[in-house]
N, C-alpha and C. Protein backbone atom coordinates (compact mmCIF):
# COMPACT_ATOMS: atom_id res chain seq x y z
N VAL A 1 -7.80 9.51 8.05
CA VAL A 1 -7.81 8.76 6.43
C VAL A 1 -7.89 9.52 5.63
N GLN A 2 -6.44 9.57 4.37
CA GLN A 2 -6.45 10.44 3.22
C GLN A 2 -6.61 9.22 2.15
N VAL A 3 -7.72 8.97 1.61
CA VAL A 3 -7.74 7.77 0.26
C VAL A 3 -6.91 8.84 -0.64
N VAL A 4 -6.39 7.98 -1.56
CA VAL A 4 -6.26 8.62 -2.87
C VAL A 4 -6.39 7.52 -4.60
N THR A 5 -6.92 7.62 -4.81
CA THR A 5 -6.83 6.85 -6.03
C THR A 5 -6.22 7.78 -7.20
N ALA A 6 -5.12 6.67 -7.88
CA ALA A 6 -4.19 7.02 -8.79
C ALA A 6 -4.00 6.16 -9.59
N THR A 7 -4.19 6.39 -10.98
CA THR A 7 -2.78 4.81 -12.03
C THR A 7 -1.68 5.51 -12.02
N ALA A 8 -0.99 4.04 -11.24
CA ALA A 8 0.96 3.78 -11.63
C ALA A 8 1.41 2.88 -13.10
N LYS A 9 1.93 4.00 -13.31
CA LYS A 9 2.85 4.00 -14.40
C LYS A 9 3.94 3.52 -14.40
N PRO A 10 3.79 2.48 -15.27
CA PRO A 10 6.03 2.57 -15.00
C PRO A 10 6.81 3.45 -15.14
N ALA A 11 8.60 3.48 -14.94
CA ALA A 11 8.84 4.43 -15.60
C ALA A 11 9.83 4.28 -16.74
N GLU A 12 10.09 4.57 -17.88
CA GLU A 12 10.30 4.12 -19.66
C GLU A 12 11.33 3.57 -18.85
N GLY A 13 11.65 2.13 -20.08
CA GLY A 13 12.25 1.41 -20.02
C GLY A 13 12.81 0.35 -18.66
N THR A 14 11.34 0.57 -17.83
CA THR A 14 11.12 -0.74 -17.01
C THR A 14 9.61 -1.47 -16.95
N THR A 15 9.96 -2.90 -16.27
CA THR A 15 8.39 -3.15 -16.05
C THR A 15 7.92 -2.78 -15.51
N ASP A 16 6.44 -2.92 -14.92
CA ASP A 16 5.29 -2.58 -14.37
C ASP A 16 5.66 -3.87 -12.96
N ALA A 17 6.17 -3.54 -11.93
CA ALA A 17 5.66 -4.37 -10.78
C ALA A 17 4.68 -4.29 -10.15
N LEU A 18 3.85 -3.28 -10.54
CA LEU A 18 2.27 -2.94 -9.45
C LEU A 18 0.82 -3.74 -10.50
N THR A 19 1.46 -4.35 -11.25
CA THR A 19 0.70 -5.32 -12.47
C THR A 19 -0.35 -5.75 -11.75
N GLY A 20 -1.37 -5.61 -12.03
CA GLY A 20 -2.77 -6.90 -11.29
C GLY A 20 -3.41 -5.99 -9.34
N LEU A 21 -2.22 -5.42 -8.73
CA LEU A 21 -2.15 -5.15 -7.68
C LEU A 21 -4.04 -4.30 -7.76
N ASP A 22 -4.29 -4.74 -6.19
CA ASP A 22 -5.62 -4.14 -5.99
C ASP A 22 -5.97 -2.95 -5.29
N ALA A 23 -4.74 -3.16 -4.71
CA ALA A 23 -4.29 -2.61 -2.78
C ALA A 23 -3.17 -2.01 -2.99
N LEU A 24 -2.25 -1.08 -2.83
CA LEU A 24 -1.25 -0.78 -1.57
C LEU A 24 -1.18 0.35 -0.20
N LEU A 25 -0.34 0.01 0.22
CA LEU A 25 -0.66 0.84 1.69
C LEU A 25 1.35 1.41 1.32
N ILE A 26 0.72 2.71 1.39
CA ILE A 26 1.89 3.67 1.17
C ILE A 26 2.61 4.13 2.65
N ARG A 27 3.50 3.86 2.91
CA ARG A 27 4.02 4.63 3.84
C ARG A 27 4.40 6.18 3.84
N PRO A 28 4.12 6.85 5.55
CA PRO A 28 4.72 8.36 4.83
C PRO A 28 5.42 9.63 4.23
N ASP A 29 6.56 8.17 4.12
CA ASP A 29 7.78 8.60 3.51
C ASP A 29 7.83 8.24 1.91
N GLY A 30 7.20 7.76 1.02
CA GLY A 30 6.63 6.93 0.06
C GLY A 30 6.93 5.61 -0.24
N HIS A 31 7.48 4.76 0.39
CA HIS A 31 7.49 4.16 0.18
C HIS A 31 6.57 3.05 0.70
N VAL A 32 6.65 1.78 -0.44
CA VAL A 32 5.34 0.56 -0.59
C VAL A 32 5.53 -0.12 0.43
N ALA A 33 4.01 0.01 1.83
CA ALA A 33 4.41 -1.22 2.96
C ALA A 33 4.01 -2.46 2.77
N TRP A 34 2.59 -2.06 1.90
CA TRP A 34 1.97 -3.26 1.85
C TRP A 34 1.25 -3.42 0.34
N THR A 35 0.48 -4.40 0.04
CA THR A 35 -0.03 -4.60 -1.16
C THR A 35 -0.82 -6.16 -0.62
N SER A 36 -2.20 -5.90 -1.92
CA SER A 36 -3.05 -6.79 -2.58
C SER A 36 -3.14 -7.04 -3.45
N HIS A 37 -3.36 -8.21 -3.54
CA HIS A 37 -4.50 -8.78 -4.88
C HIS A 37 -5.69 -9.51 -4.73
N GLY A 38 -6.39 -8.39 -3.97
CA GLY A 38 -7.79 -8.74 -3.59
C GLY A 38 -8.70 -8.77 -2.27
N THR A 39 -7.28 -9.06 -1.22
CA THR A 39 -7.82 -9.36 -0.26
C THR A 39 -7.11 -9.09 1.01
N PRO A 40 -7.08 -8.80 1.96
CA PRO A 40 -6.77 -8.09 3.01
C PRO A 40 -6.08 -8.58 3.63
N ASP A 41 -5.60 -10.17 4.08
CA ASP A 41 -4.46 -10.29 4.24
C ASP A 41 -3.75 -9.42 4.42
N GLY A 42 -2.66 -9.60 6.28
CA GLY A 42 -1.43 -8.89 6.08
C GLY A 42 -1.19 -7.72 6.46
N LEU A 43 -2.90 -6.59 6.15
CA LEU A 43 -3.18 -5.56 6.14
C LEU A 43 -2.77 -5.37 7.68
N THR A 44 -3.88 -5.41 9.07
CA THR A 44 -3.45 -5.66 9.96
C THR A 44 -2.35 -5.33 10.45
N THR A 45 -1.37 -6.78 9.98
CA THR A 45 -0.14 -6.55 10.94
C THR A 45 1.18 -5.05 10.39
N ALA A 46 0.75 -5.18 8.59
CA ALA A 46 1.56 -4.01 8.67
C ALA A 46 0.91 -2.25 9.40
N LEU A 47 -0.26 -1.83 8.98
CA LEU A 47 -0.71 -0.87 9.65
C LEU A 47 -0.24 -0.89 11.18
N THR A 48 0.26 -1.48 11.89
CA THR A 48 0.53 -1.78 13.26
C THR A 48 2.03 -1.58 13.26
N HIS A 49 2.25 -2.51 12.17
CA HIS A 49 3.93 -2.69 12.04
C HIS A 49 4.35 -0.73 11.86
N TRP A 50 4.14 -0.30 10.67
CA TRP A 50 4.34 1.06 10.52
C TRP A 50 3.91 1.69 11.35
N PHE A 51 2.21 1.87 11.93
CA PHE A 51 2.19 3.24 12.51
C PHE A 51 1.41 2.67 13.92
N GLY A 52 2.08 1.71 14.35
CA GLY A 52 1.79 1.67 15.99
C GLY A 52 0.44 0.91 16.46
N PRO A 53 0.33 0.34 17.10
CA PRO A 53 -0.71 0.31 17.62
C PRO A 53 -2.13 0.40 17.78
N GLU A 54 -3.71 -0.01 17.56
CA GLU A 54 -4.96 0.87 17.37
C GLU A 54 -4.91 1.52 18.70
N ARG A 55 -5.18 2.98 18.39
CA ARG A 55 -5.71 3.32 19.95
C ARG A 55 -7.26 3.99 19.71
N ALA A 56 -7.53 4.41 20.83
CA ALA A 56 -9.33 4.97 21.26
C ALA A 56 -9.36 6.35 20.03
N ALA A 57 -10.46 6.90 20.10
CA ALA A 57 -10.41 8.02 19.33
C ALA A 57 -10.32 9.02 20.64
């Protein structure tokens, strides 16, 4: 798992849709698959949907 810490900034002339988010899950193609305002609600569902069921290592 690669963890990246970054600060998002809105494009000039747009509003910031990411204000107040504590975490997000980005798909490999760069689209946002899940966002959080401090709770992990829905993260397991999003991970399973986009990356498949959990497998043994």
